[in-house]
Amino acid sequence: MKGRLLYFLPLILFVVSCEEKKIQQEHTIDLFADERQEGKAYIMSEQECFDASNLVISTSDIKLTDSSTGRGRAVFIYKIQSGEVLKTTIDSIVTFPMQILSNQRLKLKSPMYAYLKRLEGYRFIAKDKHLKYQWLKAAPVYPVKREN
């Protein structure tokens, strides 16, 4: 009997050690909980918009001229008839009227700042519509502040 017990002892130890251990699933650790903001878009401040732009125009004469909503990715083309150039890093001379492209529909205010950057992509639209600039992606529409 002692001999048989010695043969079965390793087998019993093996079965006991292979017991299924339950993983604790209720306790999850989220390392990036404070950085995640679901449903909230980042909106740049006026100074951030000004610094990130290649061209800033103060205008009261801007209109929506064309859009491609419902045909793939939304593209809106705006026409700026006139304005005052506040900052430029690419062109030394800006000619009006000019057209710009935006991926979002803008809530136009009069007068407002137009924060623009160099057009990236949209090769065929740019050639057809003579576009050089697009709206800065995270920039909202800021009205021009009246100075007293």
C-alpha atoms as a PDB file:
ATOM      1  CA  MET A   1       0.000   0.000   0.000  1.00  0.00           C
ATOM      2  CA  LYS A   2       2.843   2.389   0.818  1.00  0.00           C
ATOM      3  CA  GLY A   3       4.374   1.686  -2.575  1.00  0.00           C
ATOM      4  CA  ARG A   4       1.196   2.509  -4.423  1.00  0.00           C
ATOM      5  CA  LEU A   5       0.757   5.698  -2.422  1.00  0.00           C
ATOM      6  CA  LEU A   6       4.193   6.854  -3.533  1.00  0.00           C
ATOM      7  CA  TYR A   7       3.139   6.402  -7.186  1.00  0.00           C
ATOM      8  CA  PHE A   8      -0.105   8.318  -6.747  1.00  0.00           C
ATOM      9  CA  LEU A   9       1.323  11.152  -4.599  1.00  0.00           C
ATOM     10  CA  PRO A  10       2.920  13.007  -7.570  1.00  0.00           C
ATOM     11  CA  LEU A  11      -0.311  12.555  -9.528  1.00  0.00           C
ATOM     12  CA  ILE A  12      -2.358  14.041  -6.679  1.00  0.00           C
ATOM     13  CA  LEU A  13       0.071  16.976  -6.353  1.00  0.00           C
ATOM     14  CA  PHE A  14      -0.123  17.585 -10.110  1.00  0.00           C
ATOM     15  CA  VAL A  15      -3.924  17.664 -10.077  1.00  0.00           C
ATOM     16  CA  VAL A  16      -3.994  20.042  -7.102  1.00  0.00           C
ATOM     17  CA  SER A  17      -1.409  22.390  -8.653  1.00  0.00           C
ATOM     18  CA  CYS A  18      -3.325  22.550 -11.975  1.00  0.00           C
ATOM     19  CA  GLU A  19      -6.408  23.888 -10.257  1.00  0.00           C
ATOM     20  CA  GLU A  20      -7.944  26.683 -12.306  1.00  0.00           C
ATOM     21  CA  LYS A  21      -7.247  30.092 -10.854  1.00  0.00           C
ATOM     22  CA  LYS A  22      -9.836  32.771 -11.398  1.00  0.00           C
ATOM     23  CA  ILE A  23      -8.573  36.055 -12.783  1.00  0.00           C
ATOM     24  CA  GLN A  24      -9.927  39.105 -11.082  1.00  0.00           C
ATOM     25  CA  GLN A  25     -11.813  40.931 -13.825  1.00  0.00           C
ATOM     26  CA  GLU A  26     -13.801  43.450 -11.826  1.00  0.00           C
ATOM     27  CA  HIS A  27     -10.733  45.472 -10.914  1.00  0.00           C
ATOM     28  CA  THR A  28      -9.380  47.160 -14.046  1.00  0.00           C
ATOM     29  CA  ILE A  29      -6.774  49.859 -13.957  1.00  0.00           C
ATOM     30  CA  ASP A  30      -7.121  52.673 -16.496  1.00  0.00           C
ATOM     31  CA  LEU A  31      -3.784  54.432 -16.786  1.00  0.00           C
ATOM     32  CA  PHE A  32      -5.120  57.145 -19.104  1.00  0.00           C
ATOM     33  CA  ALA A  33      -8.443  57.922 -17.429  1.00  0.00           C
ATOM     34  CA  ASP A  34      -7.637  61.603 -16.878  1.00  0.00           C
ATOM     35  CA  GLU A  35      -6.494  62.056 -20.500  1.00  0.00           C
ATOM     36  CA  ARG A  36      -9.537  60.489 -22.138  1.00  0.00           C
ATOM     37  CA  GLN A  37     -12.397  62.818 -22.930  1.00  0.00           C
ATOM     38  CA  GLU A  38     -14.968  60.977 -24.965  1.00  0.00           C
ATOM     39  CA  GLY A  39     -17.378  63.101 -26.930  1.00  0.00           C
ATOM     40  CA  LYS A  40     -15.436  66.328 -26.441  1.00  0.00           C
ATOM     41  CA  ALA A  41     -13.523  67.921 -29.288  1.00  0.00           C
ATOM     42  CA  TYR A  42     -10.435  69.989 -28.626  1.00  0.00           C
ATOM     43  CA  ILE A  43     -11.046  73.688 -29.268  1.00  0.00           C
ATOM     44  CA  MET A  44      -8.042  75.943 -29.665  1.00  0.00           C
ATOM     45  CA  SER A  45      -7.804  79.318 -27.965  1.00  0.00           C
ATOM     46  CA  GLU A  46      -7.394  82.501 -30.006  1.00  0.00           C
ATOM     47  CA  GLN A  47      -3.657  82.677 -29.297  1.00  0.00           C
ATOM     48  CA  GLU A  48      -3.128  79.002 -30.226  1.00  0.00           C
ATOM     49  CA  CYS A  49      -5.022  79.550 -33.477  1.00  0.00           C
ATOM     50  CA  PHE A  50      -2.961  82.624 -34.278  1.00  0.00           C
ATOM     51  CA  ASP A  51       0.336  80.832 -33.591  1.00  0.00           C
ATOM     52  CA  ALA A  52      -0.562  77.695 -35.577  1.00  0.00           C
ATOM     53  CA  SER A  53      -1.862  79.582 -38.640  1.00  0.00           C
ATOM     54  CA  ASN A  54       0.056  80.464 -41.791  1.00  0.00           C
ATOM     55  CA  LEU A  55      -2.390  83.236 -42.634  1.00  0.00           C
ATOM     56  CA  VAL A  56      -4.778  85.177 -40.372  1.00  0.00           C
ATOM     57  CA  ILE A  57      -7.362  87.494 -41.918  1.00  0.00           C
ATOM     58  CA  SER A  58      -9.855  89.762 -40.195  1.00  0.00           C
ATOM     59  CA  THR A  59     -12.894  89.839 -42.464  1.00  0.00           C
ATOM     60  CA  SER A  60     -16.569  90.699 -42.498  1.00  0.00           C
ATOM     61  CA  ASP A  61     -17.151  89.562 -46.070  1.00  0.00           C
ATOM     62  CA  ILE A  62     -17.033  85.747 -46.163  1.00  0.00           C
ATOM     63  CA  LYS A  63     -19.629  83.486 -47.785  1.00  0.00           C
ATOM     64  CA  LEU A  64     -20.185  79.787 -48.404  1.00  0.00           C
ATOM     65  CA  THR A  65     -19.882  79.228 -52.161  1.00  0.00           C
ATOM     66  CA  ASP A  66     -19.840  75.439 -52.564  1.00  0.00           C
ATOM     67  CA  SER A  67     -20.120  72.238 -50.546  1.00  0.00           C
ATOM     68  CA  SER A  68     -19.953  68.516 -51.133  1.00  0.00           C
ATOM     69  CA  THR A  69     -22.111  67.238 -48.289  1.00  0.00           C
ATOM     70  CA  GLY A  70     -23.677  63.871 -48.997  1.00  0.00           C
ATOM     71  CA  ARG A  71     -21.004  62.873 -51.515  1.00  0.00           C
ATOM     72  CA  GLY A  72     -18.340  61.289 -49.319  1.00  0.00           C
ATOM     73  CA  ARG A  73     -16.261  63.380 -46.958  1.00  0.00           C
ATOM     74  CA  ALA A  74     -17.753  66.826 -46.371  1.00  0.00           C
ATOM     75  CA  VAL A  75     -15.884  69.728 -47.983  1.00  0.00           C
ATOM     76  CA  PHE A  76     -16.980  73.352 -47.797  1.00  0.00           C
ATOM     77  CA  ILE A  77     -15.547  76.140 -49.947  1.00  0.00           C
ATOM     78  CA  TYR A  78     -15.776  79.714 -48.692  1.00  0.00           C
ATOM     79  CA  LYS A  79     -15.027  82.933 -50.536  1.00  0.00           C
ATOM     80  CA  ILE A  80     -13.400  85.874 -48.770  1.00  0.00           C
ATOM     81  CA  GLN A  81     -14.101  89.067 -50.726  1.00  0.00           C
ATOM     82  CA  SER A  82     -11.978  91.421 -48.623  1.00  0.00           C
ATOM     83  CA  GLY A  83     -10.211  91.621 -45.316  1.00  0.00           C
ATOM     84  CA  GLU A  84      -7.206  92.787 -43.354  1.00  0.00           C
ATOM     85  CA  VAL A  85      -4.177  90.502 -43.209  1.00  0.00           C
ATOM     86  CA  LEU A  86      -2.975  90.195 -39.612  1.00  0.00           C
ATOM     87  CA  LYS A  87      -0.327  87.498 -40.098  1.00  0.00           C
ATOM     88  CA  THR A  88       1.286  85.780 -43.054  1.00  0.00           C
ATOM     89  CA  THR A  89       4.182  83.326 -43.160  1.00  0.00           C
ATOM     90  CA  ILE A  90       3.999  82.059 -46.744  1.00  0.00           C
ATOM     91  CA  ASP A  91       2.796  84.833 -49.071  1.00  0.00           C
ATOM     92  CA  SER A  92       3.952  88.418 -48.791  1.00  0.00           C
ATOM     93  CA  ILE A  93       1.017  89.604 -50.910  1.00  0.00           C
ATOM     94  CA  VAL A  94      -2.499  88.253 -50.454  1.00  0.00           C
ATOM     95  CA  THR A  95      -4.945  88.980 -53.263  1.00  0.00           C
ATOM     96  CA  PHE A  96      -8.687  89.234 -52.743  1.00  0.00           C
ATOM     97  CA  PRO A  97     -11.152  87.712 -53.486  1.00  0.00           C
ATOM     98  CA  MET A  98      -9.778  84.338 -52.409  1.00  0.00           C
ATOM     99  CA  GLN A  99     -11.362  80.957 -51.795  1.00  0.00           C
ATOM    100  CA  ILE A 100     -10.576  78.650 -48.885  1.00  0.00           C
ATOM    101  CA  LEU A 101     -11.488  75.067 -48.071  1.00  0.00           C
ATOM    102  CA  SER A 102     -12.894  73.790 -44.783  1.00  0.00           C
ATOM    103  CA  ASN A 103     -13.748  70.285 -43.541  1.00  0.00           C
ATOM    104  CA  GLN A 104     -16.407  71.681 -41.225  1.00  0.00           C
ATOM    105  CA  ARG A 105     -19.337  73.991 -41.741  1.00  0.00           C
ATOM    106  CA  LEU A 106     -18.468  77.318 -40.135  1.00  0.00           C
ATOM    107  CA  LYS A 107     -20.895  79.398 -38.119  1.00  0.00           C
ATOM    108  CA  LEU A 108     -20.078  82.683 -39.774  1.00  0.00           C
ATOM    109  CA  LYS A 109     -20.042  85.837 -37.670  1.00  0.00           C
ATOM    110  CA  SER A 110     -19.411  89.317 -38.888  1.00  0.00           C
ATOM    111  CA  PRO A 111     -16.642  90.491 -38.507  1.00  0.00           C
ATOM    112  CA  MET A 112     -14.523  87.432 -37.722  1.00  0.00           C
ATOM    113  CA  TYR A 113     -10.993  86.054 -37.825  1.00  0.00           C
ATOM    114  CA  ALA A 114     -10.111  83.485 -40.477  1.00  0.00           C
ATOM    115  CA  TYR A 115      -7.306  81.175 -39.278  1.00  0.00           C
ATOM    116  CA  LEU A 116      -5.813  79.483 -42.319  1.00  0.00           C
ATOM    117  CA  LYS A 117      -3.028  77.046 -43.093  1.00  0.00           C
ATOM    118  CA  ARG A 118      -1.480  75.878 -46.343  1.00  0.00           C
ATOM    119  CA  LEU A 119      -3.767  73.483 -48.259  1.00  0.00           C
ATOM    120  CA  GLU A 120      -2.782  69.830 -47.824  1.00  0.00           C
ATOM    121  CA  GLY A 121      -4.234  67.284 -50.220  1.00  0.00           C
ATOM    122  CA  TYR A 122      -7.336  67.973 -52.338  1.00  0.00           C
ATOM    123  CA  ARG A 123      -5.167  68.288 -55.443  1.00  0.00           C
ATOM    124  CA  PHE A 124      -8.006  68.220 -57.974  1.00  0.00           C
ATOM    125  CA  ILE A 125     -10.282  70.590 -56.059  1.00  0.00           C
ATOM    126  CA  ALA A 126      -7.369  72.976 -55.475  1.00  0.00           C
ATOM    127  CA  LYS A 127      -6.525  73.085 -59.168  1.00  0.00           C
ATOM    128  CA  ASP A 128     -10.135  73.540 -60.256  1.00  0.00           C
ATOM    129  CA  LYS A 129     -11.094  76.175 -57.646  1.00  0.00           C
ATOM    130  CA  HIS A 130      -7.636  77.863 -57.341  1.00  0.00           C
ATOM    131  CA  LEU A 131      -7.355  77.112 -53.624  1.00  0.00           C
ATOM    132  CA  LYS A 132      -4.178  77.736 -51.630  1.00  0.00           C
ATOM    133  CA  TYR A 133      -5.421  77.712 -48.037  1.00  0.00           C
ATOM    134  CA  GLN A 134      -7.684  75.709 -45.772  1.00  0.00           C
ATOM    135  CA  TRP A 135      -9.313  76.427 -42.423  1.00  0.00           C
ATOM    136  CA  LEU A 136      -7.207  75.458 -39.407  1.00  0.00           C
ATOM    137  CA  LYS A 137      -8.737  72.165 -38.240  1.00  0.00           C
ATOM    138  CA  ALA A 138      -9.316  72.736 -34.505  1.00  0.00           C
ATOM    139  CA  ALA A 139      -9.986  76.470 -34.830  1.00  0.00           C
ATOM    140  CA  PRO A 140     -13.482  77.751 -34.064  1.00  0.00           C
ATOM    141  CA  VAL A 141     -14.905  80.985 -35.454  1.00  0.00           C
ATOM    142  CA  TYR A 142     -13.845  83.898 -33.258  1.00  0.00           C
ATOM    143  CA  PRO A 143     -15.524  87.289 -33.738  1.00  0.00           C
ATOM    144  CA  VAL A 144     -13.345  90.389 -34.026  1.00  0.00           C
ATOM    145  CA  LYS A 145     -13.271  92.227 -30.720  1.00  0.00           C
ATOM    146  CA  ARG A 146     -14.206  95.886 -30.887  1.00  0.00           C
ATOM    147  CA  GLU A 147     -11.662  98.177 -29.255  1.00  0.00           C
ATOM    148  CA  ASN A 148     -12.926 101.224 -27.413  1.00  0.00           C
END
